[in-house]
Amino acid sequence: MFKSDFWFDKKDRFRGRYRFTDEVLVATEEQLGVKLPKFYTDLLFSKNGGTIRYNAFPLSEKEYFPVFFIRGSDYNPRFPTHGLGIINNEYNASRYNIDNKIIIFAGDEFKAIGFDYRHKHENPPIVLIERNTDETIQIADCFKDFYDKLVVYDFSQQLDENEMVDVEDTQYIRKFALAFYHLDDQSKTLRENCVADIVKWEYANHDRHKLPPLFFERNGWQRGRALKDSEHKDICLHYGYNQEGQLIYVKKELPNGLKWDTYMSYQGENIFAYTFDMVNELLDSVEIMIQKDGRPYKYREYITRNGISDNWGFFENYFYEGEQLVEVTKLRESFPSSRENFLEKFSIAYGPKGDVQGINRDPGNRLIYIKKLNKKKYEDLKEYVISGLVERTAAAIFEAAKGGHELCFANFYMHDNPVDAIDSTVRIGKSEERLELLGASGNVLEMIWNSSEYGQLQFVPVYEKETEFGSEVITLMRNVESKRNWFEEAKNIMTEVCRKLNKMDWGEKEGFTCDFVVYTDWESFGIEDLARSIPEEKMGLLKAGGLVP
């Protein structure tokens, strides 16, 4: 009745977690409001959906539609709202934006195959329908007719070695995904060719090489450490190189049992990489890197981890000034999905020796990478920033004092993220407001040191983030971020700035109270923390004036 080799035999990521039983059948039909074809449900009793070997439906003599899996009904009576497969057809239909009276059981990114219950309530015809349309093509009279017409097809026949490599065309890269989706003879030949050409091995504890340039820096990943031999206990990656020194094979094994193999081929300057999930023996992703004059030009990754019908990927363009890569645009795309495609832009800055110093990412103009400094350079930069902040803050405070109000404090507020921990503005408090707060009810001592209690607080610029000094501040804080307790280190920097400013005799100058001080605070700041910023002799003045306990 059924083909004995119909289902893919290996562990199958698309198989239902639960068995298809009479109880599941009743629940599925009740929820969908239809009578499912008996031939289909009998098939699910043998296996509740999954990847199939008969991977194509002939639409014409030369045109084949990919059918790599058949959906089952993954339903557990204990968790009735968490059903997957056809029982969740409302979600499936919404992904394709089609009539939910078509029960989808197969498809790819652009077209779905389903039972058409719009005009028939039992044993319905099988239709092919394109996303976002109402147009359907009947391809079989019933599910048994559909099943009988399925064939095993080698989609690698659609590959044309003479076709121009076009990573901007989704249909182009999709051909490779279809050709190598199963780890079958075609894919195994690719593997054998790669392994046969290996003349050198490299081992690592984590990912160490990726096709996209500056991948680790742009994603905040730690590059894996090279290991001396294949017996090292921490090894999880093997890298194989050919005679020309080209990386052609990557083997990755994790302690939890997950395994991937990547096979790479070179066509002129272009690189093709195929990564397989070795547990399921199915394709995980296809990558194509186009190079010009030995430099990356365009990159496309097409990820099939969730199947041919629900995939996503990345498309990158690379821009140069002379020999230096200065900008990367990265588009994340999904097929099909309600999620919008997302575009990012990375701007790369270089030092005088041509090494990458920093990378900014838009949207947000956020610095996401900064070259880590050695201990001496870090200490030198910290001293430079502290001195610069002292000088600029003093100038800003004196400028504020020209406003005609007597000033009683200057305050830096520390935000809880590294880039903004050193504020580019200083907050200035006026003595008349402090007198008003001292006359209020409640814990007035806590209130007078909480700058948010001052309605007429001045925010005075100290430096601009876009200036050279501003960049140095960000460089310092990116290095601070790498420390285990970065916020404590940031506090030490800012309290040092304040202590230096508090050595000045502010009270002897016009426009300042005799007990004027500079301090820094943060979200959990308490009055006892003032002593970190203010020297003992000035704390004595504040205590004598009844301003601290």
Protein backbone atom coordinates (compact mmCIF):
# COMPACT_ATOMS: atom_id res chain seq x y z
CA MET A 1 0.00 0.00 0.00
CA PHE A 2 2.75 2.47 1.00
CA LYS A 3 6.28 2.65 -0.38
CA SER A 4 8.57 0.95 2.14
CA ASP A 5 11.29 3.57 1.67
CA PHE A 6 8.94 6.58 1.61
CA TRP A 7 10.06 8.12 4.90
CA PHE A 8 13.59 9.30 5.51
CA ASP A 9 14.94 6.70 7.96
CA LYS A 10 17.38 8.77 9.99
CA LYS A 11 16.56 10.81 13.08
CA ASP A 12 14.20 13.38 11.66
CA ARG A 13 13.90 16.98 12.90
CA PHE A 14 10.49 17.30 11.15
CA ARG A 15 8.89 14.23 12.67
CA GLY A 16 6.15 14.89 15.21
CA ARG A 17 7.13 14.59 18.85
CA TYR A 18 4.02 12.50 19.57
CA ARG A 19 2.54 9.44 17.92
CA PHE A 20 -0.44 9.86 15.64
CA THR A 21 -3.29 8.05 17.41
CA ASP A 22 -7.06 7.81 17.08
CA GLU A 23 -7.33 10.44 19.82
CA VAL A 24 -5.04 12.81 17.92
CA LEU A 25 -7.01 12.20 14.72
CA VAL A 26 -10.32 13.11 16.39
CA ALA A 27 -8.82 16.25 18.01
CA THR A 28 -7.23 17.36 14.72
CA GLU A 29 -10.43 16.96 12.69
CA GLU A 30 -12.47 18.73 15.38
CA GLN A 31 -10.09 21.69 15.46
CA LEU A 32 -9.86 21.97 11.68
CA GLY A 33 -13.57 21.27 11.14
CA VAL A 34 -12.88 18.82 8.29
CA LYS A 35 -12.69 15.11 7.55
CA LEU A 36 -9.10 14.23 6.68
CA PRO A 37 -8.44 11.79 3.79
CA LYS A 38 -8.10 8.21 5.05
CA PHE A 39 -5.04 7.53 2.88
CA TYR A 40 -3.29 10.52 4.51
CA THR A 41 -4.19 9.54 8.10
CA ASP A 42 -3.17 5.91 7.46
CA LEU A 43 0.21 7.26 6.32
CA LEU A 44 0.54 9.26 9.55
CA PHE A 45 -0.16 6.14 11.61
CA SER A 46 3.10 4.75 10.19
CA LYS A 47 5.00 7.95 11.01
CA ASN A 48 3.60 11.26 12.21
CA GLY A 49 5.00 13.37 9.39
CA GLY A 50 8.60 14.05 8.53
CA THR A 51 11.19 14.16 5.77
CA ILE A 52 10.52 11.97 2.74
CA ARG A 53 12.76 10.37 0.10
CA TYR A 54 10.26 10.92 -2.74
CA ASN A 55 11.20 14.55 -2.84
CA ALA A 56 9.53 15.95 -5.98
CA PHE A 57 6.14 16.32 -7.61
CA PRO A 58 6.22 16.58 -11.43
CA LEU A 59 4.33 19.66 -12.66
CA SER A 60 5.37 18.98 -16.26
CA GLU A 61 7.84 16.85 -18.15
CA LYS A 62 10.74 19.14 -17.14
CA GLU A 63 9.43 20.98 -14.07
CA TYR A 64 9.51 19.45 -10.59
CA PHE A 65 8.23 21.00 -7.38
CA PRO A 66 10.27 20.16 -4.23
CA VAL A 67 8.41 18.17 -1.57
CA PHE A 68 10.96 17.33 1.11
CA PHE A 69 8.51 16.67 3.91
CA ILE A 70 4.89 15.87 4.74
CA ARG A 71 3.37 17.52 7.79
CA GLY A 72 1.69 15.40 10.42
CA SER A 73 -0.36 16.57 13.38
CA ASP A 74 1.85 17.03 16.41
CA TYR A 75 -0.79 17.14 19.13
CA ASN A 76 -0.63 16.25 22.82
CA PRO A 77 -3.98 16.19 24.68
CA ARG A 78 -2.16 17.42 27.82
CA PHE A 79 -1.13 20.61 25.97
CA PRO A 80 -3.93 21.17 23.42
CA THR A 81 -2.92 24.77 22.62
CA HIS A 82 0.63 23.81 21.62
CA GLY A 83 -0.20 21.74 18.53
CA LEU A 84 2.08 21.83 15.51
CA GLY A 85 1.77 20.56 11.95
CA ILE A 86 -1.57 20.67 10.15
CA ILE A 87 -3.53 21.13 13.38
CA ASN A 88 -1.99 24.59 13.56
CA ASN A 89 -3.25 25.52 10.09
CA GLU A 90 -4.37 29.01 11.13
CA TYR A 91 -0.71 29.89 11.67
CA ASN A 92 0.49 27.98 8.58
CA ALA A 93 -2.03 29.75 6.34
CA SER A 94 -1.15 33.16 7.80
CA ARG A 95 2.52 32.66 6.89
CA TYR A 96 1.52 32.30 3.25
CA ASN A 97 -1.38 34.78 3.56
CA ILE A 98 -3.87 32.36 2.01
CA ASP A 99 -7.39 31.07 2.75
CA ASN A 100 -7.27 28.88 5.88
CA LYS A 101 -9.76 26.47 4.29
CA ILE A 102 -6.71 25.18 2.44
CA ILE A 103 -4.99 22.82 4.92
CA ILE A 104 -1.26 23.04 4.20
CA PHE A 105 0.79 19.86 4.50
CA ALA A 106 3.84 20.66 2.33
CA GLY A 107 5.51 23.51 0.43
CA ASP A 108 8.56 25.71 0.05
CA GLU A 109 9.29 29.40 0.74
CA PHE A 110 6.99 30.69 -1.99
CA LYS A 111 4.31 28.08 -2.63
CA ALA A 112 2.24 25.74 -0.47
CA ILE A 113 0.59 22.38 -1.13
CA GLY A 114 -2.62 21.63 0.67
CA PHE A 115 -6.02 19.99 0.90
CA ASP A 116 -8.57 22.31 -0.73
CA TYR A 117 -11.67 22.27 1.47
CA ARG A 118 -13.20 25.42 -0.02
CA HIS A 119 -15.68 23.46 -2.16
CA LYS A 120 -15.44 19.89 -0.87
CA HIS A 121 -15.69 18.57 2.68
CA GLU A 122 -14.23 15.08 2.22
CA ASN A 123 -11.35 13.65 0.22
CA PRO A 124 -10.56 17.07 -1.28
CA PRO A 125 -8.32 17.78 -4.28
CA ILE A 126 -4.70 18.79 -3.77
CA VAL A 127 -3.74 22.30 -4.84
CA LEU A 128 -0.57 24.31 -5.29
CA ILE A 129 -1.01 27.92 -4.20
CA GLU A 130 1.41 30.84 -4.32
CA ARG A 131 1.98 33.13 -1.34
CA ASN A 132 -0.23 36.23 -1.05
CA THR A 133 -2.61 35.14 -3.84
CA ASP A 134 -5.97 33.40 -4.23
CA GLU A 135 -4.89 31.60 -7.39
CA THR A 136 -4.63 27.84 -7.05
CA ILE A 137 -3.60 25.07 -9.41
CA GLN A 138 -5.08 21.64 -8.85
CA ILE A 139 -2.20 19.17 -9.13
CA ALA A 140 -3.91 15.97 -7.94
CA ASP A 141 -7.46 14.67 -7.57
CA CYS A 142 -6.86 13.49 -4.02
CA PHE A 143 -4.03 12.76 -1.59
CA LYS A 144 -3.51 9.19 -2.86
CA ASP A 145 -3.20 10.54 -6.38
CA PHE A 146 -0.64 13.06 -5.10
CA TYR A 147 1.27 10.36 -3.19
CA ASP A 148 1.41 8.03 -6.20
CA LYS A 149 2.89 10.76 -8.43
CA LEU A 150 5.76 11.68 -6.07
CA VAL A 151 9.18 10.73 -7.44
CA VAL A 152 12.82 10.78 -6.37
CA TYR A 153 14.45 13.61 -8.31
CA ASP A 154 18.04 14.79 -8.40
CA PHE A 155 17.73 18.56 -8.13
CA SER A 156 21.45 18.91 -8.93
CA GLN A 157 20.37 18.53 -12.58
CA GLN A 158 19.17 22.14 -12.32
CA LEU A 159 22.70 23.37 -11.60
CA ASP A 160 24.52 24.92 -14.53
CA GLU A 161 28.28 25.34 -14.15
CA ASN A 162 28.23 28.03 -16.83
CA GLU A 163 25.53 30.10 -15.11
CA MET A 164 26.79 33.41 -13.71
CA VAL A 165 27.08 33.40 -9.93
CA ASP A 166 24.37 35.75 -8.67
CA VAL A 167 24.02 35.83 -4.89
CA GLU A 168 21.39 38.57 -5.12
CA ASP A 169 18.99 36.10 -6.78
CA THR A 170 17.29 33.94 -4.15
CA GLN A 171 16.30 31.41 -6.80
CA TYR A 172 19.96 30.99 -7.77
CA ILE A 173 21.22 30.03 -4.31
CA ARG A 174 18.05 28.01 -3.67
CA LYS A 175 19.07 25.62 -6.47
CA PHE A 176 22.10 24.59 -4.40
CA ALA A 177 19.95 24.08 -1.32
CA LEU A 178 17.63 21.79 -3.26
CA ALA A 179 20.53 19.91 -4.88
CA PHE A 180 22.24 19.09 -1.58
CA TYR A 181 19.34 19.05 0.89
CA HIS A 182 19.75 15.36 1.71
CA LEU A 183 23.16 13.95 2.56
CA ASP A 184 22.84 11.55 -0.35
CA ASP A 185 25.20 10.35 -3.09
CA GLN A 186 25.58 13.85 -4.56
CA SER A 187 26.50 15.34 -1.20
CA LYS A 188 28.73 12.44 -0.21
CA THR A 189 30.70 12.87 -3.43
CA LEU A 190 31.28 16.51 -2.47
CA ARG A 191 32.52 15.35 0.95
CA GLU A 192 34.82 12.69 -0.47
CA ASN A 193 36.41 15.19 -2.85
CA CYS A 194 37.08 17.62 0.02
CA VAL A 195 38.53 15.03 2.40
CA ALA A 196 40.76 13.54 -0.32
CA ASP A 197 42.41 16.94 -0.91
CA ILE A 198 43.29 17.66 2.73
CA VAL A 199 47.03 17.93 3.39
CA LYS A 200 46.97 19.87 6.68
CA TRP A 201 44.78 19.94 9.79
CA GLU A 202 44.14 22.67 12.35
CA TYR A 203 42.26 22.20 15.62
CA ALA A 204 40.37 24.68 17.82
CA ASN A 205 38.23 24.84 20.95
CA HIS A 206 35.63 27.17 19.34
CA ASP A 207 34.83 28.66 15.93
CA ARG A 208 38.04 30.12 14.57
CA HIS A 209 37.31 30.81 10.88
CA LYS A 210 34.22 32.24 9.13
CA LEU A 211 33.73 33.32 5.51
CA PRO A 212 32.45 36.90 6.14
CA PRO A 213 35.28 39.37 6.89
CA LEU A 214 35.51 40.70 10.47
CA PHE A 215 32.79 38.22 11.46
CA PHE A 216 33.99 37.80 15.05
CA GLU A 217 34.52 41.52 15.61
CA ARG A 218 31.11 42.43 14.15
CA ASN A 219 29.25 39.82 16.20
CA GLY A 220 31.11 40.16 19.49
CA TRP A 221 32.36 36.56 19.34
CA GLN A 222 35.57 35.33 20.92
CA ARG A 223 37.70 33.73 18.21
CA GLY A 224 38.56 30.12 19.03
CA ARG A 225 42.00 29.18 20.30
CA ALA A 226 44.22 27.03 18.10
CA LEU A 227 45.15 23.70 19.72
CA LYS A 228 48.33 21.72 19.17
CA ASP A 229 46.92 18.30 18.28
CA SER A 230 43.74 16.35 17.64
CA GLU A 231 43.84 14.65 21.07
CA HIS A 232 43.37 17.86 23.05
CA LYS A 233 40.45 17.46 25.51
CA ASP A 234 38.90 20.82 24.58
CA ILE A 235 38.79 20.22 20.83
CA CYS A 236 35.47 20.64 19.06
CA LEU A 237 36.54 21.86 15.61
CA HIS A 238 38.74 20.33 12.90
CA TYR A 239 39.82 22.51 9.95
CA GLY A 240 41.17 20.83 6.82
CA TYR A 241 43.34 22.65 4.23
CA ASN A 242 44.36 21.69 0.70
CA GLN A 243 47.74 22.00 -1.03
CA GLU A 244 47.06 25.68 -1.91
CA GLY A 245 46.38 26.52 1.75
CA GLN A 246 42.63 26.92 1.17
CA LEU A 247 40.21 25.88 3.89
CA ILE A 248 38.05 23.13 2.37
CA TYR A 249 36.57 21.14 5.25
CA VAL A 250 35.25 21.96 8.74
CA LYS A 251 34.13 19.33 11.23
CA LYS A 252 32.35 20.54 14.36
CA GLU A 253 31.29 18.31 17.25
CA LEU A 254 29.78 19.59 20.51
CA PRO A 255 29.67 17.76 23.86
CA ASN A 256 25.85 17.57 23.63
CA GLY A 257 26.11 15.31 20.57
CA LEU A 258 25.37 17.87 17.86
CA LYS A 259 27.58 17.54 14.77
CA TRP A 260 28.10 19.57 11.60
CA ASP A 261 30.29 19.12 8.55
CA THR A 262 31.10 21.95 6.13
CA TYR A 263 32.42 21.18 2.63
CA MET A 264 33.90 24.01 0.61
CA SER A 265 34.60 24.31 -3.10
CA TYR A 266 36.38 27.05 -5.05
CA GLN A 267 35.23 28.17 -8.50
CA GLY A 268 37.68 30.77 -9.67
CA GLU A 269 37.66 33.38 -6.90
CA ASN A 270 34.21 32.38 -5.65
CA ILE A 271 33.75 30.16 -2.60
CA PHE A 272 30.82 27.78 -2.05
CA ALA A 273 30.29 26.27 1.43
CA TYR A 274 27.71 23.59 2.31
CA THR A 275 27.09 22.85 5.99
CA PHE A 276 25.28 19.64 6.96
CA ASP A 277 23.59 18.66 10.20
CA MET A 278 25.23 15.26 10.57
CA VAL A 279 22.76 14.01 13.18
CA ASN A 280 19.79 14.44 10.83
CA GLU A 281 21.89 14.11 7.64
CA LEU A 282 20.21 17.19 6.18
CA LEU A 283 21.54 20.46 4.82
CA ASP A 284 21.88 23.25 7.40
CA SER A 285 23.00 26.13 5.15
CA VAL A 286 24.57 27.19 1.86
CA GLU A 287 27.08 30.06 1.73
CA ILE A 288 28.47 31.77 -1.35
CA MET A 289 31.27 34.33 -1.23
CA ILE A 290 31.99 36.33 -4.38
CA GLN A 291 35.47 37.80 -4.51
CA LYS A 292 37.10 40.29 -6.85
CA ASP A 293 40.86 40.67 -7.03
CA GLY A 294 41.19 38.47 -3.97
CA ARG A 295 38.87 40.59 -1.81
CA PRO A 296 35.36 39.74 -0.53
CA TYR A 297 32.76 41.53 -2.66
CA LYS A 298 29.34 39.98 -1.95
CA TYR A 299 28.21 37.23 0.43
CA ARG A 300 24.98 35.26 0.77
CA GLU A 301 23.97 32.69 3.38
CA TYR A 302 20.81 30.64 2.83
CA ILE A 303 19.84 28.72 5.99
CA THR A 304 17.64 25.61 5.66
CA ARG A 305 17.85 24.54 9.32
CA ASN A 306 14.06 24.63 9.64
CA GLY A 307 13.47 23.08 6.23
CA ILE A 308 13.06 24.28 2.67
CA SER A 309 9.69 25.81 3.53
CA ASP A 310 10.85 28.03 6.40
CA ASN A 311 14.30 29.45 5.93
CA TRP A 312 16.20 32.66 6.39
CA GLY A 313 19.55 34.11 5.52
CA PHE A 314 21.95 37.01 5.25
CA PHE A 315 23.15 39.09 2.33
CA GLU A 316 26.25 41.26 2.69
CA ASN A 317 27.96 43.86 0.51
CA TYR A 318 31.53 45.04 1.09
CA PHE A 319 32.89 48.52 0.29
CA TYR A 320 36.52 49.60 0.16
CA GLU A 321 38.68 52.71 0.22
CA GLY A 322 41.93 51.68 -1.39
CA GLU A 323 42.79 48.32 0.11
CA GLN A 324 40.83 48.82 3.32
CA LEU A 325 37.34 47.46 3.95
CA VAL A 326 35.50 50.48 5.35
CA GLU A 327 31.81 49.49 5.25
CA VAL A 328 29.64 46.36 5.35
CA THR A 329 25.90 46.32 4.74
CA LYS A 330 24.07 43.27 6.08
CA LEU A 331 20.47 42.36 5.25
CA ARG A 332 18.66 39.67 7.21
CA GLU A 333 15.85 38.13 5.17
CA SER A 334 13.19 35.50 5.94
CA PHE A 335 11.16 33.26 3.59
CA PRO A 336 8.26 33.31 4.31
CA SER A 337 7.73 35.21 7.53
CA SER A 338 5.78 38.01 9.12
CA ARG A 339 9.11 39.40 10.34
CA GLU A 340 10.41 42.32 8.34
CA ASN A 341 13.80 42.14 6.69
CA PHE A 342 16.39 43.98 8.76
CA LEU A 343 19.28 46.05 7.39
CA GLU A 344 22.45 46.87 9.34
CA LYS A 345 25.49 48.90 8.35
CA PHE A 346 28.96 48.47 9.85
CA SER A 347 31.58 51.23 9.56
CA ILE A 348 35.21 50.22 10.17
CA ALA A 349 37.90 52.56 11.50
CA TYR A 350 41.64 51.91 11.16
CA GLY A 351 44.72 53.02 13.08
CA PRO A 352 47.86 54.56 11.55
CA LYS A 353 49.37 51.08 11.06
CA GLY A 354 46.32 49.83 9.15
CA ASP A 355 44.91 47.67 11.95
CA VAL A 356 41.20 47.75 12.80
CA GLN A 357 40.60 50.08 15.75
CA GLY A 358 36.83 50.13 15.94
CA ILE A 359 33.55 49.15 14.30
CA ASN A 360 30.29 51.11 14.52
CA ARG A 361 26.89 49.59 13.77
CA ASP A 362 23.79 51.37 12.50
CA PRO A 363 20.95 51.68 13.35
CA GLY A 364 21.98 53.31 16.62
CA ASN A 365 25.50 54.39 15.61
CA ARG A 366 26.76 52.03 18.29
CA LEU A 367 30.42 51.15 18.74
CA ILE A 368 30.40 47.33 18.83
CA TYR A 369 34.10 46.57 18.62
CA ILE A 370 37.23 48.24 19.87
CA LYS A 371 40.75 46.88 19.75
CA LYS A 372 41.75 45.66 23.20
CA LEU A 373 44.65 47.59 24.72
CA ASN A 374 47.55 46.07 26.59
CA LYS A 375 47.94 46.99 30.27
CA LYS A 376 50.31 49.94 29.73
CA LYS A 377 48.27 51.46 26.90
CA TYR A 378 45.10 51.01 28.97
CA GLU A 379 46.60 52.82 31.97
CA ASP A 380 47.99 55.58 29.74
CA LEU A 381 44.61 56.07 28.07
CA LYS A 382 42.82 56.07 31.43
CA GLU A 383 45.11 58.80 32.75
CA TYR A 384 44.62 60.81 29.54
CA VAL A 385 40.81 60.56 29.80
CA ILE A 386 40.80 61.43 33.53
CA SER A 387 42.98 64.50 32.91
CA GLY A 388 40.86 65.53 29.94
CA LEU A 389 37.63 65.19 31.94
CA VAL A 390 39.06 67.23 34.82
CA GLU A 391 40.13 70.05 32.50
CA ARG A 392 36.90 70.08 30.46
CA THR A 393 34.61 69.74 33.50
CA ALA A 394 36.31 72.63 35.32
CA ALA A 395 35.87 74.84 32.26
CA ALA A 396 32.18 73.81 31.98
CA ILE A 397 31.54 74.58 35.67
CA PHE A 398 33.18 78.00 35.49
CA GLU A 399 31.07 78.80 32.41
CA ALA A 400 27.92 77.79 34.29
CA ALA A 401 28.86 80.08 37.20
CA LYS A 402 28.54 83.08 34.89
CA GLY A 403 24.78 82.62 34.88
CA GLY A 404 24.24 84.72 38.01
CA HIS A 405 23.24 81.90 40.38
CA GLU A 406 25.29 80.62 43.30
CA LEU A 407 26.25 76.99 42.62
CA CYS A 408 26.50 74.37 45.36
CA PHE A 409 27.50 71.17 43.53
CA ALA A 410 28.37 69.55 40.21
CA ASN A 411 27.32 65.96 39.63
CA PHE A 412 28.07 63.20 37.12
CA TYR A 413 25.38 60.52 36.76
CA MET A 414 26.68 57.08 35.73
CA HIS A 415 24.47 55.04 33.40
CA ASP A 416 24.55 51.24 33.58
CA ASN A 417 25.95 50.60 30.11
CA PRO A 418 29.63 50.99 29.22
CA VAL A 419 29.26 53.52 26.40
CA ASP A 420 27.24 55.97 28.55
CA ALA A 421 28.80 55.27 31.95
CA ILE A 422 30.95 58.39 31.58
CA ASP A 423 28.34 61.05 30.91
CA SER A 424 29.18 63.78 28.38
CA THR A 425 27.35 66.35 30.53
CA VAL A 426 27.69 67.49 34.15
CA ARG A 427 24.68 68.45 36.28
CA ILE A 428 24.91 71.72 38.20
CA GLY A 429 22.88 72.43 41.39
CA LYS A 430 21.90 75.89 42.62
CA SER A 431 22.15 76.87 46.29
CA GLU A 432 18.66 78.44 46.40
CA GLU A 433 17.09 75.14 45.43
CA ARG A 434 19.12 73.30 48.04
CA LEU A 435 17.84 75.71 50.72
CA GLU A 436 14.26 74.97 49.64
CA LEU A 437 14.87 71.21 49.87
CA LEU A 438 16.43 71.60 53.34
CA GLY A 439 13.15 73.13 54.48
CA ALA A 440 11.06 70.27 53.11
CA SER A 441 9.76 67.30 55.09
CA GLY A 442 11.22 63.81 54.88
CA ASN A 443 14.80 62.66 54.59
CA VAL A 444 16.16 65.98 53.39
CA LEU A 445 19.82 64.91 53.45
CA GLU A 446 19.13 62.15 50.92
CA MET A 447 17.07 64.60 48.86
CA ILE A 448 19.70 67.33 48.56
CA TRP A 449 22.23 64.87 47.08
CA ASN A 450 19.70 63.38 44.65
CA SER A 451 20.10 65.59 41.59
CA SER A 452 16.69 64.54 40.23
CA GLU A 453 15.08 66.51 43.10
CA TYR A 454 16.37 69.78 41.59
CA GLY A 455 13.81 71.20 39.17
CA GLN A 456 16.18 73.89 37.87
CA LEU A 457 19.14 71.57 37.44
CA GLN A 458 21.54 72.66 34.69
CA PHE A 459 22.95 70.11 32.23
CA VAL A 460 26.24 71.51 30.99
CA PRO A 461 28.15 69.83 28.12
CA VAL A 462 31.66 68.61 29.02
CA TYR A 463 32.67 67.02 25.70
CA GLU A 464 31.15 65.92 22.40
CA LYS A 465 31.06 62.18 21.72
CA GLU A 466 31.81 62.75 18.03
CA THR A 467 35.13 64.50 18.75
CA GLU A 468 38.56 62.87 19.00
CA PHE A 469 38.40 63.06 22.80
CA GLY A 470 34.92 61.54 22.75
CA SER A 471 36.26 58.62 20.72
CA GLU A 472 39.03 58.13 23.27
CA VAL A 473 36.44 57.99 26.06
CA ILE A 474 34.50 55.31 24.16
CA THR A 475 37.71 53.38 23.47
CA LEU A 476 38.51 53.42 27.18
CA MET A 477 35.01 52.28 28.18
CA ARG A 478 34.98 49.47 25.63
CA ASN A 479 38.14 48.20 27.27
CA VAL A 480 36.58 48.70 30.71
CA GLU A 481 33.63 46.60 29.50
CA SER A 482 35.90 43.58 29.05
CA LYS A 483 36.71 43.52 32.78
CA ARG A 484 34.83 41.18 35.07
CA ASN A 485 33.43 44.01 37.27
CA TRP A 486 33.38 46.79 34.70
CA PHE A 487 30.96 49.06 36.58
CA GLU A 488 33.23 49.17 39.63
CA GLU A 489 36.17 50.11 37.41
CA ALA A 490 34.03 52.84 35.81
CA LYS A 491 33.17 54.15 39.30
CA ASN A 492 36.87 54.28 40.16
CA ILE A 493 37.56 56.37 37.05
CA MET A 494 34.78 58.86 37.72
CA THR A 495 35.45 59.20 41.45
CA GLU A 496 39.11 59.91 40.60
CA VAL A 497 37.94 62.71 38.27
CA CYS A 498 35.80 64.13 41.08
CA ARG A 499 38.54 63.92 43.71
CA LYS A 500 40.89 65.86 41.44
CA LEU A 501 38.23 68.53 40.86
CA ASN A 502 37.55 68.73 44.59
CA LYS A 503 41.19 69.71 45.23
CA MET A 504 40.34 73.08 43.67
CA ASP A 505 39.30 75.95 45.98
CA TRP A 506 35.87 76.51 44.47
CA GLY A 507 34.58 78.39 47.53
CA GLU A 508 37.09 81.19 47.04
CA LYS A 509 35.73 81.97 43.59
CA GLU A 510 32.70 84.07 42.72
CA GLY A 511 29.52 82.16 42.03
CA PHE A 512 30.18 79.18 44.33
CA THR A 513 29.19 78.29 47.89
CA CYS A 514 32.06 77.71 50.33
CA ASP A 515 31.15 74.00 50.44
CA PHE A 516 30.85 73.48 46.65
CA VAL A 517 31.80 69.91 45.71
CA VAL A 518 31.84 67.63 42.67
CA TYR A 519 30.61 64.03 42.99
CA THR A 520 29.34 61.13 40.94
CA ASP A 521 26.28 58.98 41.59
CA TRP A 522 24.45 56.00 40.09
CA GLU A 523 21.15 54.13 40.39
CA SER A 524 21.86 52.57 43.82
CA PHE A 525 23.80 55.61 45.12
CA GLY A 526 23.50 56.38 48.82
CA ILE A 527 24.68 59.39 50.84
CA GLU A 528 27.48 57.24 52.30
CA ASP A 529 28.95 56.94 48.77
CA LEU A 530 29.83 60.66 48.74
CA ALA A 531 33.11 59.87 50.49
CA ARG A 532 34.33 58.07 47.35
CA SER A 533 34.30 61.36 45.40
CA ILE A 534 34.90 63.97 48.10
CA PRO A 535 38.12 64.29 50.16
CA GLU A 536 37.95 64.08 53.95
CA GLU A 537 38.52 67.80 54.59
CA LYS A 538 35.61 68.80 52.35
CA MET A 539 33.39 66.10 53.85
CA GLY A 540 34.17 67.88 57.16
CA LEU A 541 32.85 71.16 55.75
CA LEU A 542 29.66 69.47 54.60
CA LYS A 543 29.17 67.85 57.98
CA ALA A 544 29.73 71.16 59.78
CA GLY A 545 27.03 72.71 57.60
CA GLY A 546 24.57 69.92 58.42
CA LEU A 547 24.57 68.66 54.82
CA VAL A 548 25.73 65.09 55.60
CA PRO A 549 25.14 62.92 58.69
